[in-house]
Protein backbone atom coordinates (compact mmCIF):
# COMPACT_ATOMS: atom_id res chain seq x y z
CA UNK A 1 -55.85 30.92 71.17
CA UNK A 2 -55.49 27.23 72.08
CA UNK A 3 -56.72 24.31 69.98
CA UNK A 4 -59.69 23.62 72.27
CA UNK A 5 -61.07 27.14 71.78
CA UNK A 6 -60.50 26.93 68.04
CA UNK A 7 -62.34 23.61 67.83
CA UNK A 8 -65.32 25.05 69.69
CA UNK A 9 -65.46 27.96 67.24
CA UNK A 10 -65.15 25.56 64.29
CA UNK A 11 -67.98 23.35 65.60
CA UNK A 12 -70.28 26.35 66.04
CA UNK A 13 -69.45 27.68 62.57
CA UNK A 14 -70.10 24.21 61.11
CA UNK A 15 -73.60 24.06 62.59
CA UNK A 16 -74.50 27.53 61.28
CA UNK A 17 -73.21 26.86 57.77
CA UNK A 18 -74.85 23.43 57.72
CA UNK A 19 -78.20 24.96 58.65
CA UNK A 20 -77.98 27.48 55.81
CA UNK A 21 -76.80 24.91 53.24
CA UNK A 22 -79.46 22.38 54.28
CA UNK A 23 -82.30 24.71 53.35
CA UNK A 24 -81.29 24.70 49.68
CA UNK A 25 -82.11 21.03 49.18
CA UNK A 26 -84.50 20.24 52.02
CA UNK A 27 -87.46 21.89 50.26
CA UNK A 28 -87.23 19.54 47.27
CA UNK A 29 -89.53 16.81 48.65
CA UNK A 30 -92.01 19.46 49.86
CA UNK A 31 -92.54 21.21 46.53
CA UNK A 32 -95.57 19.10 45.49
CA UNK A 33 -97.20 19.73 48.89
CA UNK A 34 -96.47 23.48 48.74
CA UNK A 35 -97.74 23.60 45.16
CA UNK A 36 -101.02 21.97 46.22
CA UNK A 37 -101.36 24.04 49.40
CA UNK A 38 -101.17 27.38 47.57
CA UNK A 39 -102.63 26.30 44.20
CA UNK A 40 -99.66 27.40 42.09
CA UNK A 41 -97.96 26.07 38.94
CA UNK A 42 -94.50 24.58 38.37
CA UNK A 43 -92.87 27.85 37.31
CA UNK A 44 -94.07 29.68 40.41
CA UNK A 45 -93.08 26.94 42.84
CA UNK A 46 -89.55 26.96 41.38
CA UNK A 47 -89.14 30.40 42.99
CA UNK A 48 -88.79 28.55 46.31
CA UNK A 49 -85.26 27.76 45.11
CA UNK A 50 -84.59 30.81 42.96
CA UNK A 51 -85.51 33.49 45.48
CA UNK A 52 -83.38 31.80 48.16
CA UNK A 53 -80.32 31.74 45.88
CA UNK A 54 -81.06 35.27 44.63
CA UNK A 55 -81.15 36.84 48.09
CA UNK A 56 -78.24 34.63 49.12
CA UNK A 57 -76.26 36.40 46.40
CA UNK A 58 -77.52 39.85 47.43
CA UNK A 59 -76.87 39.24 51.12
CA UNK A 60 -73.37 37.85 50.57
CA UNK A 61 -71.50 41.05 49.60
CA UNK A 62 -73.45 43.26 51.99
CA UNK A 63 -72.99 41.02 55.03
CA UNK A 64 -69.37 40.31 54.19
CA UNK A 65 -68.58 44.00 53.93
CA UNK A 66 -70.43 44.80 57.16
CA UNK A 67 -68.53 42.05 58.98
CA UNK A 68 -65.24 43.58 57.79
CA UNK A 69 -66.51 46.93 59.08
CA UNK A 70 -68.21 46.05 62.37
CA UNK A 71 -66.73 42.68 63.36
CA UNK A 72 -67.43 39.01 62.54
CA UNK A 73 -69.18 38.08 65.80
CA UNK A 74 -71.90 40.72 65.53
CA UNK A 75 -72.67 39.96 61.89
CA UNK A 76 -72.56 36.16 62.24
CA UNK A 77 -75.10 36.26 65.07
CA UNK A 78 -77.25 38.75 63.14
CA UNK A 79 -77.18 36.54 60.01
CA UNK A 80 -78.30 33.48 61.99
CA UNK A 81 -81.06 35.59 63.59
CA UNK A 82 -82.28 36.75 60.16
CA UNK A 83 -82.32 33.14 59.00
CA UNK A 84 -84.49 32.23 62.00
CA UNK A 85 -86.86 35.17 61.31
CA UNK A 86 -87.20 34.07 57.69
CA UNK A 87 -87.96 30.52 58.83
CA UNK A 88 -90.66 31.77 61.21
CA UNK A 89 -92.30 33.84 58.45
CA UNK A 90 -92.20 30.84 56.12
CA UNK A 91 -93.84 28.60 58.73
CA UNK A 92 -96.69 31.04 59.36
CA UNK A 93 -97.25 32.00 55.70
CA UNK A 94 -100.89 32.62 54.76
CA UNK A 95 -100.08 33.12 51.04
CA UNK A 96 -97.40 32.10 48.57
CA UNK A 97 -96.18 35.70 48.43
CA UNK A 98 -95.60 35.63 52.19
CA UNK A 99 -93.82 32.31 51.81
CA UNK A 100 -91.44 33.85 49.28
CA UNK A 101 -90.77 36.78 51.62
CA UNK A 102 -89.75 34.30 54.29
CA UNK A 103 -87.48 32.42 51.88
CA UNK A 104 -85.94 35.72 50.75
CA UNK A 105 -85.08 36.68 54.35
CA UNK A 106 -83.70 33.18 54.92
CA UNK A 107 -81.46 33.49 51.87
CA UNK A 108 -80.39 37.01 52.84
CA UNK A 109 -79.23 35.80 56.25
CA UNK A 110 -77.64 32.62 54.87
CA UNK A 111 -75.73 34.75 52.35
CA UNK A 112 -73.69 36.17 55.20
CA UNK A 113 -73.23 32.99 57.24
CA UNK A 114 -70.78 31.23 54.92
CA UNK A 115 -68.36 34.10 54.07
CA UNK A 116 -68.30 35.33 57.66
CA UNK A 117 -67.64 31.78 58.93
CA UNK A 118 -64.77 31.38 56.43
CA UNK A 119 -63.34 34.77 57.43
CA UNK A 120 -63.52 33.69 61.10
CA UNK A 121 -61.23 30.78 60.18
CA UNK A 122 -58.78 33.22 58.63
CA UNK A 123 -58.87 35.30 61.84
CA UNK A 124 -58.51 32.47 64.37
CA UNK A 125 -56.51 29.69 62.65
CA UNK A 126 -52.81 29.96 61.76
CA UNK A 127 -51.93 29.63 58.03
CA UNK A 128 -50.74 26.02 58.39
CA UNK A 129 -54.12 24.91 59.80
CA UNK A 130 -56.56 26.91 57.68
CA UNK A 131 -56.83 24.31 54.93
CA UNK A 132 -57.98 21.60 57.37
CA UNK A 133 -60.54 23.92 58.97
CA UNK A 134 -61.90 25.04 55.60
CA UNK A 135 -62.07 21.39 54.53
CA UNK A 136 -64.38 20.63 57.45
CA UNK A 137 -66.58 23.61 56.61
CA UNK A 138 -66.51 22.61 52.93
CA UNK A 139 -67.80 19.12 53.76
CA UNK A 140 -71.05 20.81 54.84
CA UNK A 141 -72.17 21.04 51.21
CA UNK A 142 -71.69 17.32 50.70
CA UNK A 143 -73.51 16.25 53.85
CA UNK A 144 -76.30 18.80 53.45
CA UNK A 145 -76.84 17.65 49.88
CA UNK A 146 -77.28 14.10 51.16
CA UNK A 147 -79.29 14.79 54.31
CA UNK A 148 -81.45 17.59 52.90
CA UNK A 149 -83.77 15.50 50.72
CA UNK A 150 -83.77 12.60 53.23
CA UNK A 151 -84.62 14.82 56.21
CA UNK A 152 -87.15 16.70 54.10
CA UNK A 153 -88.88 13.44 53.21
CA UNK A 154 -89.05 12.36 56.87
CA UNK A 155 -90.41 15.67 58.17
CA UNK A 156 -92.88 16.02 55.33
CA UNK A 157 -95.17 13.40 56.90
CA UNK A 158 -95.83 15.91 59.72
CA UNK A 159 -96.52 18.79 57.31
CA UNK A 160 -94.27 20.87 55.04
CA UNK A 161 -94.01 23.57 57.73
CA UNK A 162 -91.78 21.28 59.82
CA UNK A 163 -89.01 21.64 57.25
CA UNK A 164 -88.66 25.23 58.47
CA UNK A 165 -89.77 24.88 62.10
CA UNK A 166 -86.65 22.78 62.76
CA UNK A 167 -84.45 25.78 61.88
CA UNK A 168 -85.73 27.96 64.72
CA UNK A 169 -84.46 26.05 67.81
CA UNK A 170 -81.14 25.28 66.06
CA UNK A 171 -80.68 28.97 65.24
CA UNK A 172 -81.45 29.97 68.84
CA UNK A 173 -78.80 27.54 70.12
CA UNK A 174 -76.22 28.88 67.65
CA UNK A 175 -77.00 32.48 68.67
CA UNK A 176 -76.76 31.66 72.40
CA UNK A 177 -73.45 29.83 72.02
CA UNK A 178 -72.19 32.48 69.60
CA UNK A 179 -72.33 35.15 72.32
CA UNK A 180 -70.24 32.88 74.58
CA UNK A 181 -67.78 31.23 72.19
CA UNK A 182 -67.08 33.52 69.25
CA UNK A 183 -64.28 36.08 69.72
CA UNK A 184 -64.91 39.72 68.92
CA UNK A 185 -62.85 40.67 65.88
CA UNK A 186 -61.39 44.11 65.29
CA UNK A 187 -63.52 46.66 63.50
CA UNK A 188 -62.25 48.21 60.29
CA UNK A 189 -61.69 51.92 59.96
CA UNK A 190 -64.30 52.75 57.33
CA UNK A 191 -65.80 56.19 56.87
CA UNK A 192 -68.46 55.36 54.29
CA UNK A 193 -70.12 52.18 53.08
CA UNK A 194 -70.30 51.62 49.31
CA UNK A 195 -74.09 51.66 49.02
CA UNK A 196 -74.09 52.63 45.34
CA UNK A 197 -71.94 49.67 44.31
CA UNK A 198 -73.91 47.27 46.50
CA UNK A 199 -77.29 48.45 45.14
CA UNK A 200 -76.09 48.23 41.52
CA UNK A 201 -74.72 44.74 42.13
CA UNK A 202 -78.02 43.67 43.72
CA UNK A 203 -80.00 45.02 40.75
CA UNK A 204 -77.65 43.34 38.28
CA UNK A 205 -77.94 39.96 39.99
CA UNK A 206 -81.72 40.31 40.39
CA UNK A 207 -82.19 41.08 36.68
CA UNK A 208 -80.00 38.16 35.66
CA UNK A 209 -81.78 35.76 38.02
CA UNK A 210 -85.23 36.81 36.82
CA UNK A 211 -84.18 36.51 33.18
CA UNK A 212 -82.76 33.01 33.68
CA UNK A 213 -85.83 31.87 35.58
CA UNK A 214 -88.13 32.90 32.73
CA UNK A 215 -86.36 30.80 30.11
CA UNK A 216 -88.44 27.95 28.71
CA UNK A 217 -86.01 25.28 27.57
CA UNK A 218 -88.46 23.95 24.99
CA UNK A 219 -88.67 27.37 23.27
CA UNK A 220 -85.29 28.80 24.18
CA UNK A 221 -84.84 31.42 21.45
CA UNK A 222 -88.51 32.44 21.45
CA UNK A 223 -88.48 33.11 25.19
CA UNK A 224 -85.04 34.75 25.05
CA UNK A 225 -86.34 37.32 22.55
CA UNK A 226 -89.60 37.84 24.43
CA UNK A 227 -90.50 41.24 25.88
CA UNK A 228 -90.65 39.50 29.27
CA UNK A 229 -86.98 38.44 29.19
CA UNK A 230 -84.66 40.44 26.92
CA UNK A 231 -85.18 43.83 28.66
CA UNK A 232 -83.91 42.30 31.92
CA UNK A 233 -80.88 40.82 30.16
CA UNK A 234 -80.19 44.18 28.49
CA UNK A 235 -80.55 45.93 31.87
CA UNK A 236 -78.03 43.51 33.44
CA UNK A 237 -75.55 44.12 30.59
CA UNK A 238 -75.98 47.88 31.07
CA UNK A 239 -75.36 47.64 34.82
CA UNK A 240 -72.08 45.70 34.53
CA UNK A 241 -69.94 48.54 33.07
CA UNK A 242 -71.77 50.98 35.34
CA UNK A 243 -70.73 48.89 38.35
CA UNK A 244 -67.10 48.88 37.20
CA UNK A 245 -67.19 52.65 36.71
CA UNK A 246 -68.72 53.31 40.13
CA UNK A 247 -66.20 51.06 41.87
CA UNK A 248 -63.27 53.00 40.39
CA UNK A 249 -64.43 56.18 42.12
CA UNK A 250 -65.09 55.00 45.69
CA UNK A 251 -62.62 54.87 48.55
CA UNK A 252 -63.62 51.41 49.69
CA UNK A 253 -65.14 49.44 46.80
CA UNK A 254 -67.01 46.17 47.21
CA UNK A 255 -65.08 42.92 46.79
CA UNK A 256 -64.87 43.38 43.00
CA UNK A 257 -61.71 45.39 43.81
CA UNK A 258 -60.02 42.10 44.71
CA UNK A 259 -60.16 41.14 41.02
CA UNK A 260 -57.00 43.19 40.48
CA UNK A 261 -55.14 40.09 41.67
CA UNK A 262 -54.37 37.58 38.90
CA UNK A 263 -54.88 34.71 41.33
CA UNK A 264 -58.36 36.00 42.23
CA UNK A 265 -59.28 36.33 38.54
CA UNK A 266 -58.38 32.67 38.01
CA UNK A 267 -60.31 31.64 41.13
CA UNK A 268 -63.30 33.61 39.84
CA UNK A 269 -63.36 31.68 36.57
CA UNK A 270 -63.02 28.36 38.37
CA UNK A 271 -65.78 29.19 40.86
CA UNK A 272 -68.25 30.05 38.08
CA UNK A 273 -67.41 26.71 36.45
CA UNK A 274 -67.89 25.00 39.80
CA UNK A 275 -71.41 26.43 40.05
CA UNK A 276 -72.20 25.07 36.57
CA UNK A 277 -70.90 21.63 37.59
CA UNK A 278 -72.94 21.67 40.81
CA UNK A 279 -76.08 22.32 38.78
CA UNK A 280 -75.29 19.30 36.59
CA UNK A 281 -75.74 17.06 39.65
CA UNK A 282 -79.39 18.13 39.87
CA UNK A 283 -80.06 16.51 36.49
CA UNK A 284 -78.42 13.18 37.38
CA UNK A 285 -81.65 11.45 38.57
CA UNK A 286 -83.42 12.43 35.32
CA UNK A 287 -80.41 11.13 33.38
CA UNK A 288 -80.63 7.84 35.29
CA UNK A 289 -84.35 7.51 34.55
CA UNK A 290 -83.70 7.94 30.83
CA UNK A 291 -80.48 5.89 30.58
CA UNK A 292 -81.29 3.04 33.01
CA UNK A 293 -85.12 2.94 32.90
CA UNK A 294 -85.38 3.42 36.68
CA UNK A 295 -88.25 4.81 38.74
CA UNK A 296 -88.00 8.31 40.22
CA UNK A 297 -87.26 7.01 43.74
CA UNK A 298 -84.61 4.56 42.46
CA UNK A 299 -82.92 7.22 40.34
CA UNK A 300 -82.75 9.64 43.30
CA UNK A 301 -80.78 7.06 45.29
CA UNK A 302 -78.05 6.98 42.61
CA UNK A 303 -76.95 10.47 43.66
CA UNK A 304 -76.08 9.26 47.18
CA UNK A 305 -72.67 7.70 46.21
CA UNK A 306 -71.64 10.99 44.57
CA UNK A 307 -72.66 13.10 47.57
CA UNK A 308 -71.04 10.68 50.02
CA UNK A 309 -67.72 10.75 48.14
CA UNK A 310 -67.91 14.56 48.11
CA UNK A 311 -68.72 14.83 51.82
CA UNK A 312 -66.13 12.28 52.96
CA UNK A 313 -63.27 13.55 50.78
CA UNK A 314 -63.75 17.27 51.57
CA UNK A 315 -62.01 17.15 54.99
CA UNK A 316 -59.15 15.12 53.45
CA UNK A 317 -58.77 17.75 50.72
CA UNK A 318 -58.43 20.35 53.47
CA UNK A 319 -55.53 18.49 55.07
CA UNK A 320 -53.82 18.02 51.70
CA UNK A 321 -54.15 21.77 51.09
CA UNK A 322 -52.01 22.49 54.14
CA UNK A 323 -49.40 20.03 52.87
CA UNK A 324 -49.25 20.68 49.12
CA UNK A 325 -51.04 23.98 48.44
CA UNK A 326 -54.01 24.68 46.21
CA UNK A 327 -52.43 24.37 42.72
CA UNK A 328 -51.58 20.66 42.86
CA UNK A 329 -54.83 19.77 44.65
CA UNK A 330 -57.07 21.67 42.25
CA UNK A 331 -55.27 20.44 39.12
CA UNK A 332 -55.50 16.82 40.27
CA UNK A 333 -59.11 17.16 41.39
CA UNK A 334 -60.28 18.93 38.24
CA UNK A 335 -58.61 16.23 36.14
CA UNK A 336 -60.58 13.61 38.10
CA UNK A 337 -63.76 15.67 37.56
CA UNK A 338 -63.19 15.73 33.78
CA UNK A 339 -62.62 11.97 33.81
CA UNK A 340 -65.84 11.35 35.76
CA UNK A 341 -67.97 13.56 33.49
CA UNK A 342 -66.79 11.90 30.29
CA UNK A 343 -67.17 8.46 31.87
CA UNK A 344 -70.76 9.33 32.73
CA UNK A 345 -71.38 10.44 29.17
CA UNK A 346 -69.94 7.34 27.48
CA UNK A 347 -70.60 4.61 30.08
CA UNK A 348 -73.70 5.97 31.85
CA UNK A 349 -75.98 3.33 30.35
CA UNK A 350 -74.43 0.73 32.69
CA UNK A 351 -75.86 0.72 36.23
CA UNK A 352 -72.57 0.09 38.06
CA UNK A 353 -70.51 2.35 35.82
CA UNK A 354 -73.10 5.11 36.38
CA UNK A 355 -72.49 4.79 40.14
CA UNK A 356 -68.69 4.67 39.65
CA UNK A 357 -68.84 7.79 37.48
CA UNK A 358 -70.81 9.58 40.20
CA UNK A 359 -68.23 8.66 42.85
CA UNK A 360 -65.40 9.97 40.64
CA UNK A 361 -67.33 13.21 39.96
CA UNK A 362 -67.85 13.65 43.72
CA UNK A 363 -64.11 13.20 44.37
CA UNK A 364 -63.31 15.75 41.68
CA UNK A 365 -65.85 18.29 42.91
CA UNK A 366 -64.46 18.12 46.45
CA UNK A 367 -61.19 19.63 45.17
CA UNK A 368 -62.87 22.76 43.76
CA UNK A 369 -66.03 23.06 45.84
CA UNK A 370 -65.41 24.61 49.23
CA UNK A 371 -61.98 24.69 50.82
CA UNK A 372 -59.47 25.13 47.92
CA UNK A 373 -61.10 28.24 46.44
CA UNK A 374 -61.69 29.70 49.89
CA UNK A 375 -58.09 28.93 50.80
CA UNK A 376 -56.96 30.97 47.77
CA UNK A 377 -59.18 33.89 48.76
CA UNK A 378 -57.89 33.84 52.35
CA UNK A 379 -54.35 33.97 50.95
CA UNK A 380 -55.07 36.85 48.57
CA UNK A 381 -57.30 38.96 50.82
CA UNK A 382 -55.94 41.44 53.40
CA UNK A 383 -57.15 40.83 56.94
CA UNK A 384 -59.82 43.54 56.66
CA UNK A 385 -61.11 42.07 53.34
CA UNK A 386 -61.36 38.39 54.27
CA UNK A 387 -65.14 38.21 54.40
CA UNK A 388 -65.37 40.21 51.17
CA UNK A 389 -63.09 37.69 49.48
CA UNK A 390 -65.24 34.79 50.63
CA UNK A 391 -68.33 36.65 49.40
CA UNK A 392 -66.84 36.88 45.91
CA UNK A 393 -66.59 33.08 45.72
CA UNK A 394 -70.24 32.76 46.82
CA UNK A 395 -71.43 35.23 44.19
CA UNK A 396 -69.49 33.59 41.36
CA UNK A 397 -70.64 30.05 42.15
CA UNK A 398 -74.25 31.25 42.53
CA UNK A 399 -74.11 32.91 39.11
CA UNK A 400 -72.83 29.61 37.74
CA UNK A 401 -75.76 27.77 39.32
CA UNK A 402 -78.38 30.17 37.99
CA UNK A 403 -77.01 30.20 34.45
CA UNK A 404 -76.16 26.49 34.53
CA UNK A 405 -79.73 25.42 35.24
CA UNK A 406 -81.08 27.18 32.16
CA UNK A 407 -78.11 26.17 29.98
CA UNK A 408 -78.22 22.46 30.81
CA UNK A 409 -82.00 22.37 30.56
CA UNK A 410 -81.86 23.98 27.12
CA UNK A 411 -79.33 21.43 25.82
CA UNK A 412 -81.37 18.51 27.18
CA UNK A 413 -84.58 19.87 25.67
CA UNK A 414 -82.96 20.40 22.25
CA UNK A 415 -82.59 16.66 21.69
CA UNK A 416 -84.73 13.65 22.47
CA UNK A 417 -83.99 10.84 24.90
CA UNK A 418 -80.54 10.06 26.20
CA UNK A 419 -78.76 12.12 23.50
CA UNK A 420 -79.87 15.35 25.17
CA UNK A 421 -78.33 14.33 28.51
CA UNK A 422 -75.14 13.08 26.85
CA UNK A 423 -74.74 16.38 25.00
CA UNK A 424 -75.32 18.33 28.22
CA UNK A 425 -72.66 16.39 30.12
CA UNK A 426 -70.22 16.69 27.21
CA UNK A 427 -70.70 20.47 27.47
CA UNK A 428 -70.11 20.41 31.23
CA UNK A 429 -67.07 18.19 30.62
CA UNK A 430 -65.54 20.82 28.31
CA UNK A 431 -66.25 23.50 30.92
CA UNK A 432 -64.35 21.33 33.42
CA UNK A 433 -61.43 21.16 30.94
CA UNK A 434 -61.33 24.97 30.89
CA UNK A 435 -61.27 24.88 34.69
CA UNK A 436 -58.38 22.39 34.50
CA UNK A 437 -56.38 24.74 32.26
CA UNK A 438 -57.08 27.66 34.60
CA UNK A 439 -55.53 25.77 37.54
CA UNK A 440 -52.18 25.80 35.72
CA UNK A 441 -52.00 29.56 36.29
CA UNK A 442 -52.34 29.32 40.09
CA UNK A 443 -49.45 30.13 42.41
CA UNK A 444 -47.15 27.40 43.72
CA UNK A 445 -47.30 26.57 47.43
CA UNK A 446 -44.29 28.67 48.47
CA UNK A 447 -45.63 31.72 46.63
CA UNK A 448 -49.07 31.20 48.16
CA UNK A 449 -47.71 30.94 51.71
CA UNK A 450 -45.65 34.11 51.21
CA UNK A 451 -48.74 35.97 50.00
CA UNK A 452 -50.78 34.66 52.94
CA UNK A 453 -48.16 35.84 55.45
CA UNK A 454 -47.97 39.27 53.82
CA UNK A 455 -51.75 39.65 54.14
CA UNK A 456 -51.98 38.35 57.72
């Protein structure tokens, strides 16, 4: 395949991933309007985010496995189609329950878009160019985080439905071009799909997500011991060993089988920490309001330097991956992340140092969010497990996001004023230090390239 064909594939994958990532943050400005339109409270409206992430997590392993079985092209187009169907249901919702069904279908489809797109890169790009391609795909998260709230605010003047209407024509274009541009990958020789493992994993994640969503950070222990929360946590803890037992007895287990690799175990720990760090960004505007006495609109703008540094540096990180490998890049980037978090904690009361800290955090996050972890999984995954490997990264980071929201909120609520935010970011800083130590166990570049060639 020549470079021109590869670039066309990469551009199409970028648009699909961007569309799925955009819908995580674009609904933020519309939440007050949706809350008023359906007459619901704050806890219910938060399910606009939670149910999307939840079904994103459920869809990720299923779609990744199916793409390994039946080919990337078929599943990528089907995932984009599901996303469009979910958008259409959301637009035409006559009740909040219908709206959530639409968001669930959106998340289910989006859950397959990212791992399948990353696996496509492993199929079509040679090892020496995969880092650059993954860097471009990884920059999606930075740009979508910046454009999502801005675009949401602009479209909101025409009605909250337009935030989802815009997805439909874009999805149709991606589907049409997908039939023409995307190559048909080889189908795996599978005799039976691991439905038991997939269902147990879905139930485990659903129970965990529901339990986390019910936590009231002002009464953390009371809610945690409530009859409405602890049974779901207990059920999730029961399902985890059951999942491990089931996976030992199937011919083709879900991507949890990849955890036999030491490198994948390390990447798993780092990706969960990455999800926790991503969640910390959500609380930055509230931190700015408390520390700098800014208005809500002014505080929201302070996140832009962080997101810009993340989006701009992600493609550069991809190129450096091809040159130096993931160990050096992730160690250096995680060190920068630790520095930025502790700067924010100690110097965040200064307007300009708050911005500088955000830029440094964005630079650090770009080294662990997106391309480096996916580069590791492409190296460690056999050709017929590439999408499954990418799915594992999605699941781990999503778990980090779900748990991180409740954890950070609880720390902030436990103390008054700026001390709560400082304590929360100290905690996240120590989590980043653990991530830094984990990077020391990663393979060197020559070992990583040898593994990648063996699995190609």
